[in-house]
PDB file of all heavy atoms in Angstrom:
ATOM      1  N   ALA A   1      -2.304  11.965  -3.618  1.00  0.00           N
ATOM      2  CA  ALA A   1      -3.136  12.924  -4.344  1.00  0.00           C
ATOM      3  C   ALA A   1      -3.270  12.578  -5.820  1.00  0.00           C
ATOM      4  O   ALA A   1      -4.178  13.088  -6.503  1.00  0.00           O
ATOM      5  CB  ALA A   1      -2.563  14.334  -4.188  1.00  0.00           C
ATOM      6  N   CYS A   2      -2.407  11.726  -6.321  1.00  0.00           N
ATOM      7  CA  CYS A   2      -2.447  11.341  -7.730  1.00  0.00           C
ATOM      8  C   CYS A   2      -3.476  10.248  -8.014  1.00  0.00           C
ATOM      9  O   CYS A   2      -3.679   9.878  -9.187  1.00  0.00           O
ATOM     10  CB  CYS A   2      -1.073  10.871  -8.192  1.00  0.00           C
ATOM     11  SG  CYS A   2       0.229  12.126  -8.080  1.00  0.00           S
ATOM     12  N   TYR A   3      -4.114   9.728  -6.949  1.00  0.00           N
ATOM     13  CA  TYR A   3      -5.008   8.582  -7.121  1.00  0.00           C
ATOM     14  C   TYR A   3      -6.392   8.878  -6.569  1.00  0.00           C
ATOM     15  O   TYR A   3      -6.564   9.742  -5.702  1.00  0.00           O
ATOM     16  CB  TYR A   3      -4.443   7.370  -6.369  1.00  0.00           C
ATOM     17  CG  TYR A   3      -3.163   6.820  -6.954  1.00  0.00           C
ATOM     18  CD1 TYR A   3      -1.940   7.098  -6.366  1.00  0.00           C
ATOM     19  CD2 TYR A   3      -3.182   6.021  -8.084  1.00  0.00           C
ATOM     20  CE1 TYR A   3      -0.759   6.595  -6.890  1.00  0.00           C
ATOM     21  CE2 TYR A   3      -2.008   5.510  -8.620  1.00  0.00           C
ATOM     22  CZ  TYR A   3      -0.801   5.800  -8.017  1.00  0.00           C
ATOM     23  OH  TYR A   3       0.368   5.291  -8.541  1.00  0.00           O
ATOM     24  N   PRO A   4      -7.378   8.125  -7.042  1.00  0.00           N
ATOM     25  CA  PRO A   4      -8.703   8.180  -6.431  1.00  0.00           C
ATOM     26  C   PRO A   4      -8.643   7.659  -4.996  1.00  0.00           C
ATOM     27  O   PRO A   4      -7.676   7.011  -4.592  1.00  0.00           O
ATOM     28  CB  PRO A   4      -9.551   7.260  -7.322  1.00  0.00           C
ATOM     29  CG  PRO A   4      -8.771   7.076  -8.578  1.00  0.00           C
ATOM     30  CD  PRO A   4      -7.345   7.254  -8.239  1.00  0.00           C
ATOM     31  N   GLU A   5      -9.691   7.911  -4.238  1.00  0.00           N
ATOM     32  CA  GLU A   5      -9.719   7.556  -2.832  1.00  0.00           C
ATOM     33  C   GLU A   5      -9.434   6.077  -2.597  1.00  0.00           C
ATOM     34  O   GLU A   5      -8.712   5.703  -1.682  1.00  0.00           O
ATOM     35  CB  GLU A   5     -11.070   7.930  -2.222  1.00  0.00           C
ATOM     36  CG  GLU A   5     -11.204   7.611  -0.728  1.00  0.00           C
ATOM     37  CD  GLU A   5     -10.142   8.320   0.110  1.00  0.00           C
ATOM     38  OE1 GLU A   5      -9.810   9.472  -0.211  1.00  0.00           O
ATOM     39  OE2 GLU A   5      -9.634   7.700   1.081  1.00  0.00           O
ATOM     40  N   GLU A   6     -10.011   5.209  -3.423  1.00  0.00           N
ATOM     41  CA  GLU A   6      -9.816   3.771  -3.265  1.00  0.00           C
ATOM     42  C   GLU A   6      -8.333   3.405  -3.355  1.00  0.00           C
ATOM     43  O   GLU A   6      -7.822   2.605  -2.583  1.00  0.00           O
ATOM     44  CB  GLU A   6     -10.611   3.017  -4.333  1.00  0.00           C
ATOM     45  CG  GLU A   6     -10.456   1.498  -4.249  1.00  0.00           C
ATOM     46  CD  GLU A   6     -11.205   0.778  -5.356  1.00  0.00           C
ATOM     47  OE1 GLU A   6     -12.013   1.424  -6.058  1.00  0.00           O
ATOM     48  OE2 GLU A   6     -10.981  -0.440  -5.523  1.00  0.00           O
ATOM     49  N   ASN A   7      -7.656   3.990  -4.309  1.00  0.00           N
ATOM     50  CA  ASN A   7      -6.246   3.707  -4.497  1.00  0.00           C
ATOM     51  C   ASN A   7      -5.381   4.329  -3.396  1.00  0.00           C
ATOM     52  O   ASN A   7      -4.314   3.811  -3.079  1.00  0.00           O
ATOM     53  CB  ASN A   7      -5.776   4.206  -5.856  1.00  0.00           C
ATOM     54  CG  ASN A   7      -6.475   3.510  -7.008  1.00  0.00           C
ATOM     55  OD1 ASN A   7      -7.072   4.160  -7.873  1.00  0.00           O
ATOM     56  ND2 ASN A   7      -6.425   2.156  -7.034  1.00  0.00           N
ATOM     57  N   ARG A   8      -5.857   5.419  -2.838  1.00  0.00           N
ATOM     58  CA  ARG A   8      -5.123   6.037  -1.734  1.00  0.00           C
ATOM     59  C   ARG A   8      -5.057   5.087  -0.551  1.00  0.00           C
ATOM     60  O   ARG A   8      -4.037   4.993   0.131  1.00  0.00           O
ATOM     61  CB  ARG A   8      -5.777   7.347  -1.313  1.00  0.00           C
ATOM     62  CG  ARG A   8      -5.721   8.446  -2.359  1.00  0.00           C
ATOM     63  CD  ARG A   8      -6.504   9.675  -1.930  1.00  0.00           C
ATOM     64  NE  ARG A   8      -6.659  10.600  -3.038  1.00  0.00           N
ATOM     65  CZ  ARG A   8      -7.356  11.730  -2.967  1.00  0.00           C
ATOM     66  NH1 ARG A   8      -7.972  12.056  -1.820  1.00  0.00           N
ATOM     67  NH2 ARG A   8      -7.459  12.525  -4.026  1.00  0.00           N
ATOM     68  N   ARG A   9      -6.181   4.390  -0.316  1.00  0.00           N
ATOM     69  CA  ARG A   9      -6.208   3.404   0.767  1.00  0.00           C
ATOM     70  C   ARG A   9      -5.211   2.284   0.475  1.00  0.00           C
ATOM     71  O   ARG A   9      -4.534   1.787   1.376  1.00  0.00           O
ATOM     72  CB  ARG A   9      -7.616   2.836   0.942  1.00  0.00           C
ATOM     73  CG  ARG A   9      -8.607   3.819   1.544  1.00  0.00           C
ATOM     74  CD  ARG A   9      -9.866   3.100   2.032  1.00  0.00           C
ATOM     75  NE  ARG A   9     -10.586   2.454   0.946  1.00  0.00           N
ATOM     76  CZ  ARG A   9     -11.527   3.054   0.209  1.00  0.00           C
ATOM     77  NH1 ARG A   9     -11.865   4.327   0.452  1.00  0.00           N
ATOM     78  NH2 ARG A   9     -12.146   2.384  -0.753  1.00  0.00           N
ATOM     79  N   GLU A  10      -5.097   1.878  -0.794  1.00  0.00           N
ATOM     80  CA  GLU A  10      -4.144   0.841  -1.179  1.00  0.00           C
ATOM     81  C   GLU A  10      -2.707   1.292  -0.940  1.00  0.00           C
ATOM     82  O   GLU A  10      -1.863   0.499  -0.526  1.00  0.00           O
ATOM     83  CB  GLU A  10      -4.343   0.473  -2.648  1.00  0.00           C
ATOM     84  CG  GLU A  10      -5.574  -0.381  -2.923  1.00  0.00           C
ATOM     85  CD  GLU A  10      -5.645  -0.809  -4.369  1.00  0.00           C
ATOM     86  OE1 GLU A  10      -5.400   0.032  -5.256  1.00  0.00           O
ATOM     87  OE2 GLU A  10      -5.945  -1.988  -4.626  1.00  0.00           O
ATOM     88  N   LEU A  11      -2.429   2.572  -1.207  1.00  0.00           N
ATOM     89  CA  LEU A  11      -1.090   3.104  -0.985  1.00  0.00           C
ATOM     90  C   LEU A  11      -0.721   3.039   0.498  1.00  0.00           C
ATOM     91  O   LEU A  11       0.375   2.607   0.860  1.00  0.00           O
ATOM     92  CB  LEU A  11      -0.991   4.537  -1.502  1.00  0.00           C
ATOM     93  CG  LEU A  11       0.345   5.261  -1.255  1.00  0.00           C
ATOM     94  CD1 LEU A  11       1.498   4.509  -1.919  1.00  0.00           C
ATOM     95  CD2 LEU A  11       0.279   6.709  -1.764  1.00  0.00           C
ATOM     96  N   ARG A  12      -1.656   3.473   1.340  1.00  0.00           N
ATOM     97  CA  ARG A  12      -1.409   3.422   2.779  1.00  0.00           C
ATOM     98  C   ARG A  12      -1.251   1.979   3.258  1.00  0.00           C
ATOM     99  O   ARG A  12      -0.409   1.678   4.106  1.00  0.00           O
ATOM    100  CB  ARG A  12      -2.525   4.139   3.533  1.00  0.00           C
ATOM    101  CG  ARG A  12      -2.512   5.653   3.364  1.00  0.00           C
ATOM    102  CD  ARG A  12      -3.482   6.324   4.317  1.00  0.00           C
ATOM    103  NE  ARG A  12      -4.869   6.109   3.919  1.00  0.00           N
ATOM    104  CZ  ARG A  12      -5.562   6.908   3.094  1.00  0.00           C
ATOM    105  NH1 ARG A  12      -4.976   7.975   2.575  1.00  0.00           N
ATOM    106  NH2 ARG A  12      -6.825   6.648   2.806  1.00  0.00           N
ATOM    107  N   GLU A  13      -2.041   1.088   2.682  1.00  0.00           N
ATOM    108  CA  GLU A  13      -1.955  -0.330   3.030  1.00  0.00           C
ATOM    109  C   GLU A  13      -0.614  -0.914   2.587  1.00  0.00           C
ATOM    110  O   GLU A  13      -0.002  -1.711   3.310  1.00  0.00           O
ATOM    111  CB  GLU A  13      -3.108  -1.093   2.368  1.00  0.00           C
ATOM    112  CG  GLU A  13      -3.195  -2.557   2.812  1.00  0.00           C
ATOM    113  CD  GLU A  13      -4.356  -3.291   2.141  1.00  0.00           C
ATOM    114  OE1 GLU A  13      -5.184  -2.631   1.473  1.00  0.00           O
ATOM    115  OE2 GLU A  13      -4.413  -4.541   2.282  1.00  0.00           O
ATOM    116  N   ALA A  14      -0.132  -0.511   1.409  1.00  0.00           N
ATOM    117  CA  ALA A  14       1.168  -0.978   0.902  1.00  0.00           C
ATOM    118  C   ALA A  14       2.292  -0.547   1.838  1.00  0.00           C
ATOM    119  O   ALA A  14       3.186  -1.335   2.157  1.00  0.00           O
ATOM    120  CB  ALA A  14       1.411  -0.442  -0.513  1.00  0.00           C
ATOM    121  N   PHE A  15       2.224   0.697   2.296  1.00  0.00           N
ATOM    122  CA  PHE A  15       3.269   1.203   3.187  1.00  0.00           C
ATOM    123  C   PHE A  15       3.248   0.471   4.527  1.00  0.00           C
ATOM    124  O   PHE A  15       4.301   0.104   5.059  1.00  0.00           O
ATOM    125  CB  PHE A  15       3.096   2.710   3.397  1.00  0.00           C
ATOM    126  CG  PHE A  15       4.268   3.349   4.086  1.00  0.00           C
ATOM    127  CD1 PHE A  15       5.397   3.695   3.365  1.00  0.00           C
ATOM    128  CD2 PHE A  15       4.247   3.594   5.442  1.00  0.00           C
ATOM    129  CE1 PHE A  15       6.487   4.275   3.993  1.00  0.00           C
ATOM    130  CE2 PHE A  15       5.325   4.178   6.074  1.00  0.00           C
ATOM    131  CZ  PHE A  15       6.447   4.523   5.346  1.00  0.00           C
ATOM    132  N   ARG A  16       2.039   0.241   5.070  1.00  0.00           N
ATOM    133  CA  ARG A  16       1.927  -0.483   6.336  1.00  0.00           C
ATOM    134  C   ARG A  16       2.456  -1.912   6.202  1.00  0.00           C
ATOM    135  O   ARG A  16       3.129  -2.428   7.088  1.00  0.00           O
ATOM    136  CB  ARG A  16       0.483  -0.483   6.834  1.00  0.00           C
ATOM    137  CG  ARG A  16       0.016   0.830   7.427  1.00  0.00           C
ATOM    138  CD  ARG A  16      -1.274   0.652   8.220  1.00  0.00           C
ATOM    139  NE  ARG A  16      -2.365   0.188   7.356  1.00  0.00           N
ATOM    140  CZ  ARG A  16      -3.194   1.005   6.700  1.00  0.00           C
ATOM    141  NH1 ARG A  16      -3.056   2.326   6.812  1.00  0.00           N
ATOM    142  NH2 ARG A  16      -4.159   0.516   5.937  1.00  0.00           N
ATOM    143  N   ALA A  17       2.146  -2.556   5.080  1.00  0.00           N
ATOM    144  CA  ALA A  17       2.621  -3.925   4.841  1.00  0.00           C
ATOM    145  C   ALA A  17       4.145  -3.958   4.786  1.00  0.00           C
ATOM    146  O   ALA A  17       4.780  -4.866   5.327  1.00  0.00           O
ATOM    147  CB  ALA A  17       2.030  -4.470   3.545  1.00  0.00           C
ATOM    148  N   ALA A  18       4.742  -2.951   4.125  1.00  0.00           N
ATOM    149  CA  ALA A  18       6.196  -2.871   4.052  1.00  0.00           C
ATOM    150  C   ALA A  18       6.798  -2.674   5.441  1.00  0.00           C
ATOM    151  O   ALA A  18       7.805  -3.296   5.799  1.00  0.00           O
ATOM    152  CB  ALA A  18       6.621  -1.738   3.119  1.00  0.00           C
ATOM    153  N   GLU A  19       6.175  -1.816   6.232  1.00  0.00           N
ATOM    154  CA  GLU A  19       6.628  -1.597   7.613  1.00  0.00           C
ATOM    155  C   GLU A  19       6.583  -2.885   8.421  1.00  0.00           C
ATOM    156  O   GLU A  19       7.457  -3.145   9.254  1.00  0.00           O
ATOM    157  CB  GLU A  19       5.770  -0.539   8.294  1.00  0.00           C
ATOM    158  CG  GLU A  19       6.130   0.878   7.952  1.00  0.00           C
ATOM    159  CD  GLU A  19       5.420   1.859   8.864  1.00  0.00           C
ATOM    160  OE1 GLU A  19       4.170   1.915   8.835  1.00  0.00           O
ATOM    161  OE2 GLU A  19       6.108   2.537   9.626  1.00  0.00           O
ATOM    162  N   ASP A  20       5.561  -3.694   8.187  1.00  0.00           N
ATOM    163  CA  ASP A  20       5.376  -4.943   8.933  1.00  0.00           C
ATOM    164  C   ASP A  20       6.246  -6.085   8.395  1.00  0.00           C
ATOM    165  O   ASP A  20       6.235  -7.190   8.935  1.00  0.00           O
ATOM    166  CB  ASP A  20       3.902  -5.369   8.903  1.00  0.00           C
ATOM    167  CG  ASP A  20       3.010  -4.395   9.669  1.00  0.00           C
ATOM    168  OD1 ASP A  20       3.534  -3.676  10.551  1.00  0.00           O
ATOM    169  OD2 ASP A  20       1.792  -4.364   9.377  1.00  0.00           O
ATOM    170  N   GLY A  21       6.950  -5.830   7.302  1.00  0.00           N
ATOM    171  CA  GLY A  21       7.810  -6.857   6.733  1.00  0.00           C
ATOM    172  C   GLY A  21       7.134  -7.776   5.735  1.00  0.00           C
ATOM    173  O   GLY A  21       7.733  -8.751   5.279  1.00  0.00           O
ATOM    174  N   ASP A  22       5.901  -7.467   5.383  1.00  0.00           N
ATOM    175  CA  ASP A  22       5.181  -8.258   4.377  1.00  0.00           C
ATOM    176  C   ASP A  22       5.468  -7.640   3.009  1.00  0.00           C
ATOM    177  O   ASP A  22       4.607  -6.981   2.398  1.00  0.00           O
ATOM    178  CB  ASP A  22       3.680  -8.264   4.677  1.00  0.00           C
ATOM    179  CG  ASP A  22       2.917  -9.277   3.834  1.00  0.00           C
ATOM    180  OD1 ASP A  22       3.513  -9.821   2.868  1.00  0.00           O
ATOM    181  OD2 ASP A  22       1.722  -9.518   4.129  1.00  0.00           O
ATOM    182  N   TYR A  23       6.695  -7.869   2.532  1.00  0.00           N
ATOM    183  CA  TYR A  23       7.149  -7.196   1.320  1.00  0.00           C
ATOM    184  C   TYR A  23       6.443  -7.700   0.067  1.00  0.00           C
ATOM    185  O   TYR A  23       6.219  -6.931  -0.879  1.00  0.00           O
ATOM    186  CB  TYR A  23       8.666  -7.358   1.174  1.00  0.00           C
ATOM    187  CG  TYR A  23       9.439  -6.804   2.350  1.00  0.00           C
ATOM    188  CD1 TYR A  23      10.394  -7.571   3.009  1.00  0.00           C
ATOM    189  CD2 TYR A  23       9.208  -5.518   2.806  1.00  0.00           C
ATOM    190  CE1 TYR A  23      11.103  -7.064   4.084  1.00  0.00           C
ATOM    191  CE2 TYR A  23       9.907  -5.000   3.891  1.00  0.00           C
ATOM    192  CZ  TYR A  23      10.854  -5.792   4.529  1.00  0.00           C
ATOM    193  OH  TYR A  23      11.544  -5.290   5.597  1.00  0.00           O
ATOM    194  N   GLU A  24       6.070  -8.957   0.048  1.00  0.00           N
ATOM    195  CA  GLU A  24       5.356  -9.504  -1.101  1.00  0.00           C
ATOM    196  C   GLU A  24       4.021  -8.795  -1.303  1.00  0.00           C
ATOM    197  O   GLU A  24       3.670  -8.406  -2.417  1.00  0.00           O
ATOM    198  CB  GLU A  24       5.151 -11.003  -0.929  1.00  0.00           C
ATOM    199  CG  GLU A  24       4.561 -11.682  -2.163  1.00  0.00           C
ATOM    200  CD  GLU A  24       4.507 -13.190  -2.032  1.00  0.00           C
ATOM    201  OE1 GLU A  24       5.130 -13.747  -1.103  1.00  0.00           O
ATOM    202  OE2 GLU A  24       3.836 -13.824  -2.872  1.00  0.00           O
ATOM    203  N   LYS A  25       3.279  -8.628  -0.214  1.00  0.00           N
ATOM    204  CA  LYS A  25       2.000  -7.932  -0.286  1.00  0.00           C
ATOM    205  C   LYS A  25       2.202  -6.474  -0.685  1.00  0.00           C
ATOM    206  O   LYS A  25       1.492  -5.949  -1.544  1.00  0.00           O
ATOM    207  CB  LYS A  25       1.280  -8.006   1.057  1.00  0.00           C
ATOM    208  CG  LYS A  25      -0.053  -7.264   1.073  1.00  0.00           C
ATOM    209  CD  LYS A  25      -0.701  -7.346   2.452  1.00  0.00           C
ATOM    210  CE  LYS A  25      -2.011  -6.556   2.480  1.00  0.00           C
ATOM    211  NZ  LYS A  25      -2.652  -6.611   3.823  1.00  0.00           N
ATOM    212  N   ALA A  26       3.204  -5.827  -0.081  1.00  0.00           N
ATOM    213  CA  ALA A  26       3.471  -4.414  -0.363  1.00  0.00           C
ATOM    214  C   ALA A  26       3.842  -4.213  -1.827  1.00  0.00           C
ATOM    215  O   ALA A  26       3.366  -3.271  -2.477  1.00  0.00           O
ATOM    216  CB  ALA A  26       4.600  -3.912   0.538  1.00  0.00           C
ATOM    217  N   ALA A  27       4.699  -5.111  -2.354  1.00  0.00           N
ATOM    218  CA  ALA A  27       5.109  -5.004  -3.755  1.00  0.00           C
ATOM    219  C   ALA A  27       3.916  -5.197  -4.689  1.00  0.00           C
ATOM    220  O   ALA A  27       3.775  -4.470  -5.689  1.00  0.00           O
ATOM    221  CB  ALA A  27       6.203  -6.026  -4.062  1.00  0.00           C
ATOM    222  N   GLY A  28       3.058  -6.154  -4.372  1.00  0.00           N
ATOM    223  CA  GLY A  28       1.874  -6.407  -5.189  1.00  0.00           C
ATOM    224  C   GLY A  28       0.951  -5.198  -5.250  1.00  0.00           C
ATOM    225  O   GLY A  28       0.441  -4.839  -6.320  1.00  0.00           O
ATOM    226  N   LEU A  29       0.727  -4.550  -4.113  1.00  0.00           N
ATOM    227  CA  LEU A  29      -0.131  -3.374  -4.058  1.00  0.00           C
ATOM    228  C   LEU A  29       0.475  -2.213  -4.852  1.00  0.00           C
ATOM    229  O   LEU A  29      -0.234  -1.494  -5.565  1.00  0.00           O
ATOM    230  CB  LEU A  29      -0.359  -2.959  -2.607  1.00  0.00           C
ATOM    231  CG  LEU A  29      -1.291  -3.868  -1.793  1.00  0.00           C
ATOM    232  CD1 LEU A  29      -1.180  -3.559  -0.300  1.00  0.00           C
ATOM    233  CD2 LEU A  29      -2.745  -3.710  -2.259  1.00  0.00           C
TER     234      LEU A  29
END
């Protein structure tokens, strides 16, 4: 809720990447 819609998608993408073990991508996001 603290971000615009575009950034909200990035947050969800960061969490999914972390779940999948792609920590580099998650940290970057």
